[in-house]
Amino acid sequence: MGLEIVLQTESGARIDSVNDPKNHLSKLLPQIGDENHPLLGGIDPYGDTVFNRIQMSRFLLEWETVSSHAVTIEERELVSKVGELALRCRDEAHLYIKFVGD
């Protein structure tokens, strides 16, 4: 089972989500601790990782790298949907993106 990516309010109410049941992100995300990708390299595949609006500019820059590695249609759709959640998080107040691990 892969990650679930949730766009949520500050109270934790779910607005939208994307699932990765085939675990594509495990091969697309940078390795844990990757210093070149300090945000995405901090995503815990077994726990929860939350990002806020202030982090979204950097997150989206790092997400471009993830997107560039997406090859299959499924991978491209997945990274596109997560990118859309990140844009909403950046552009709307009091939203967070939560990566929910196994």
C-alpha atoms as a PDB file:
ATOM      1  CA  MET A   1       0.000   0.000   0.000  1.00  0.00           C
ATOM      2  CA  GLY A   2       1.300   3.429  -0.912  1.00  0.00           C
ATOM      3  CA  LEU A   3       0.806   6.892   0.469  1.00  0.00           C
ATOM      4  CA  GLU A   4      -2.427   8.812   0.660  1.00  0.00           C
ATOM      5  CA  ILE A   5      -2.055  12.549   0.072  1.00  0.00           C
ATOM      6  CA  VAL A   6      -4.737  14.654   1.749  1.00  0.00           C
ATOM      7  CA  LEU A   7      -5.565  18.338   1.398  1.00  0.00           C
ATOM      8  CA  GLN A   8      -7.037  19.351   4.726  1.00  0.00           C
ATOM      9  CA  THR A   9      -8.071  22.333   6.798  1.00  0.00           C
ATOM     10  CA  GLU A  10      -6.245  23.385   9.929  1.00  0.00           C
ATOM     11  CA  SER A  11      -8.816  21.462  11.971  1.00  0.00           C
ATOM     12  CA  GLY A  12      -8.039  18.308   9.981  1.00  0.00           C
ATOM     13  CA  ALA A  13     -11.196  18.261   7.851  1.00  0.00           C
ATOM     14  CA  ARG A  14     -10.533  16.517   4.547  1.00  0.00           C
ATOM     15  CA  ILE A  15     -11.074  18.662   1.449  1.00  0.00           C
ATOM     16  CA  ASP A  16      -9.608  16.387  -1.229  1.00  0.00           C
ATOM     17  CA  SER A  17      -7.208  13.473  -1.509  1.00  0.00           C
ATOM     18  CA  VAL A  18      -5.126  11.366  -3.871  1.00  0.00           C
ATOM     19  CA  ASN A  19      -4.264   7.725  -3.274  1.00  0.00           C
ATOM     20  CA  ASP A  20      -1.201   5.866  -4.483  1.00  0.00           C
ATOM     21  CA  PRO A  21      -2.348   2.233  -4.072  1.00  0.00           C
ATOM     22  CA  LYS A  22       0.401   0.911  -6.361  1.00  0.00           C
ATOM     23  CA  ASN A  23       3.088   2.801  -4.413  1.00  0.00           C
ATOM     24  CA  HIS A  24       4.468   4.688  -7.427  1.00  0.00           C
ATOM     25  CA  LEU A  25       5.733   7.511  -5.224  1.00  0.00           C
ATOM     26  CA  SER A  26       8.158   5.187  -3.474  1.00  0.00           C
ATOM     27  CA  LYS A  27      10.312   5.185  -6.598  1.00  0.00           C
ATOM     28  CA  LEU A  28       9.612   8.797  -7.629  1.00  0.00           C
ATOM     29  CA  LEU A  29      10.255  10.599  -4.345  1.00  0.00           C
ATOM     30  CA  PRO A  30      13.837  11.422  -3.334  1.00  0.00           C
ATOM     31  CA  GLN A  31      15.481   9.243  -0.737  1.00  0.00           C
ATOM     32  CA  ILE A  32      14.834  10.052   2.895  1.00  0.00           C
ATOM     33  CA  GLY A  33      17.329  12.651   4.058  1.00  0.00           C
ATOM     34  CA  ASP A  34      18.192  13.861   0.524  1.00  0.00           C
ATOM     35  CA  GLU A  35      19.802  17.243   1.193  1.00  0.00           C
ATOM     36  CA  ASN A  36      18.923  18.492  -2.300  1.00  0.00           C
ATOM     37  CA  HIS A  37      15.230  17.935  -1.520  1.00  0.00           C
ATOM     38  CA  PRO A  38      14.830  18.911   2.131  1.00  0.00           C
ATOM     39  CA  LEU A  39      11.024  18.812   2.093  1.00  0.00           C
ATOM     40  CA  LEU A  40      10.317  15.787  -0.076  1.00  0.00           C
ATOM     41  CA  GLY A  41      13.270  13.939   1.405  1.00  0.00           C
ATOM     42  CA  GLY A  42      11.514  14.256   4.754  1.00  0.00           C
ATOM     43  CA  ILE A  43       8.358  12.386   3.779  1.00  0.00           C
ATOM     44  CA  ASP A  44       7.947   9.406   6.101  1.00  0.00           C
ATOM     45  CA  PRO A  45       6.555   6.438   4.132  1.00  0.00           C
ATOM     46  CA  TYR A  46       5.340   4.784   7.346  1.00  0.00           C
ATOM     47  CA  GLY A  47       4.088   7.810   9.262  1.00  0.00           C
ATOM     48  CA  ASP A  48       2.418  11.130   8.566  1.00  0.00           C
ATOM     49  CA  THR A  49       4.138  14.195   7.120  1.00  0.00           C
ATOM     50  CA  VAL A  50       2.377  17.579   6.975  1.00  0.00           C
ATOM     51  CA  PHE A  51       3.251  20.626   4.889  1.00  0.00           C
ATOM     52  CA  ASN A  52       1.817  24.136   5.226  1.00  0.00           C
ATOM     53  CA  ARG A  53       1.176  27.018   2.867  1.00  0.00           C
ATOM     54  CA  ILE A  54       4.515  28.705   3.547  1.00  0.00           C
ATOM     55  CA  GLN A  55       6.362  25.542   2.481  1.00  0.00           C
ATOM     56  CA  MET A  56       4.460  25.157  -0.796  1.00  0.00           C
ATOM     57  CA  SER A  57       6.746  27.303  -2.981  1.00  0.00           C
ATOM     58  CA  ARG A  58       9.727  25.133  -2.078  1.00  0.00           C
ATOM     59  CA  PHE A  59       7.579  21.984  -2.178  1.00  0.00           C
ATOM     60  CA  LEU A  60       6.453  22.785  -5.731  1.00  0.00           C
ATOM     61  CA  LEU A  61      10.047  23.373  -6.871  1.00  0.00           C
ATOM     62  CA  GLU A  62      11.029  19.980  -5.506  1.00  0.00           C
ATOM     63  CA  TRP A  63       7.855  18.440  -6.951  1.00  0.00           C
ATOM     64  CA  GLU A  64       9.051  19.418 -10.445  1.00  0.00           C
ATOM     65  CA  THR A  65      11.850  16.877 -10.019  1.00  0.00           C
ATOM     66  CA  VAL A  66       9.377  14.182  -9.002  1.00  0.00           C
ATOM     67  CA  SER A  67       7.198  15.061 -11.985  1.00  0.00           C
ATOM     68  CA  SER A  68      10.124  14.830 -14.368  1.00  0.00           C
ATOM     69  CA  HIS A  69      10.732  11.212 -13.301  1.00  0.00           C
ATOM     70  CA  ALA A  70       7.122  10.151 -13.910  1.00  0.00           C
ATOM     71  CA  VAL A  71       7.091   7.947 -17.029  1.00  0.00           C
ATOM     72  CA  THR A  72       3.847   5.999 -17.163  1.00  0.00           C
ATOM     73  CA  ILE A  73       0.397   7.508 -17.560  1.00  0.00           C
ATOM     74  CA  GLU A  74      -0.495   6.424 -14.001  1.00  0.00           C
ATOM     75  CA  GLU A  75       2.614   8.079 -12.583  1.00  0.00           C
ATOM     76  CA  ARG A  76       2.018  11.307 -14.516  1.00  0.00           C
ATOM     77  CA  GLU A  77      -1.631  11.461 -13.415  1.00  0.00           C
ATOM     78  CA  LEU A  78      -0.625  10.850  -9.805  1.00  0.00           C
ATOM     79  CA  VAL A  79       2.046  13.560  -9.693  1.00  0.00           C
ATOM     80  CA  SER A  80      -0.266  15.955 -11.526  1.00  0.00           C
ATOM     81  CA  LYS A  81      -3.051  15.444  -8.976  1.00  0.00           C
ATOM     82  CA  VAL A  82      -0.668  15.921  -6.049  1.00  0.00           C
ATOM     83  CA  GLY A  83       0.655  19.063  -7.755  1.00  0.00           C
ATOM     84  CA  GLU A  84      -2.903  20.389  -7.982  1.00  0.00           C
ATOM     85  CA  LEU A  85      -3.390  19.822  -4.249  1.00  0.00           C
ATOM     86  CA  ALA A  86      -0.121  21.647  -3.577  1.00  0.00           C
ATOM     87  CA  LEU A  87      -1.223  24.627  -5.677  1.00  0.00           C
ATOM     88  CA  ARG A  88      -4.485  24.836  -3.738  1.00  0.00           C
ATOM     89  CA  CYS A  89      -2.563  24.637  -0.487  1.00  0.00           C
ATOM     90  CA  ARG A  90      -0.293  27.480  -1.638  1.00  0.00           C
ATOM     91  CA  ASP A  91      -3.107  29.673  -2.911  1.00  0.00           C
ATOM     92  CA  GLU A  92      -5.747  29.229  -0.203  1.00  0.00           C
ATOM     93  CA  ALA A  93      -5.407  30.130   3.454  1.00  0.00           C
ATOM     94  CA  HIS A  94      -5.384  27.623   6.324  1.00  0.00           C
ATOM     95  CA  LEU A  95      -4.828  24.503   4.210  1.00  0.00           C
ATOM     96  CA  TYR A  96      -2.278  21.730   4.655  1.00  0.00           C
ATOM     97  CA  ILE A  97      -1.066  18.768   2.651  1.00  0.00           C
ATOM     98  CA  LYS A  98      -0.675  15.611   4.659  1.00  0.00           C
ATOM     99  CA  PHE A  99       1.166  12.540   3.355  1.00  0.00           C
ATOM    100  CA  VAL A 100      -0.296   9.576   5.213  1.00  0.00           C
ATOM    101  CA  GLY A 101       2.022   6.568   5.315  1.00  0.00           C
ATOM    102  CA  ASP A 102       1.238   2.894   5.766  1.00  0.00           C
END
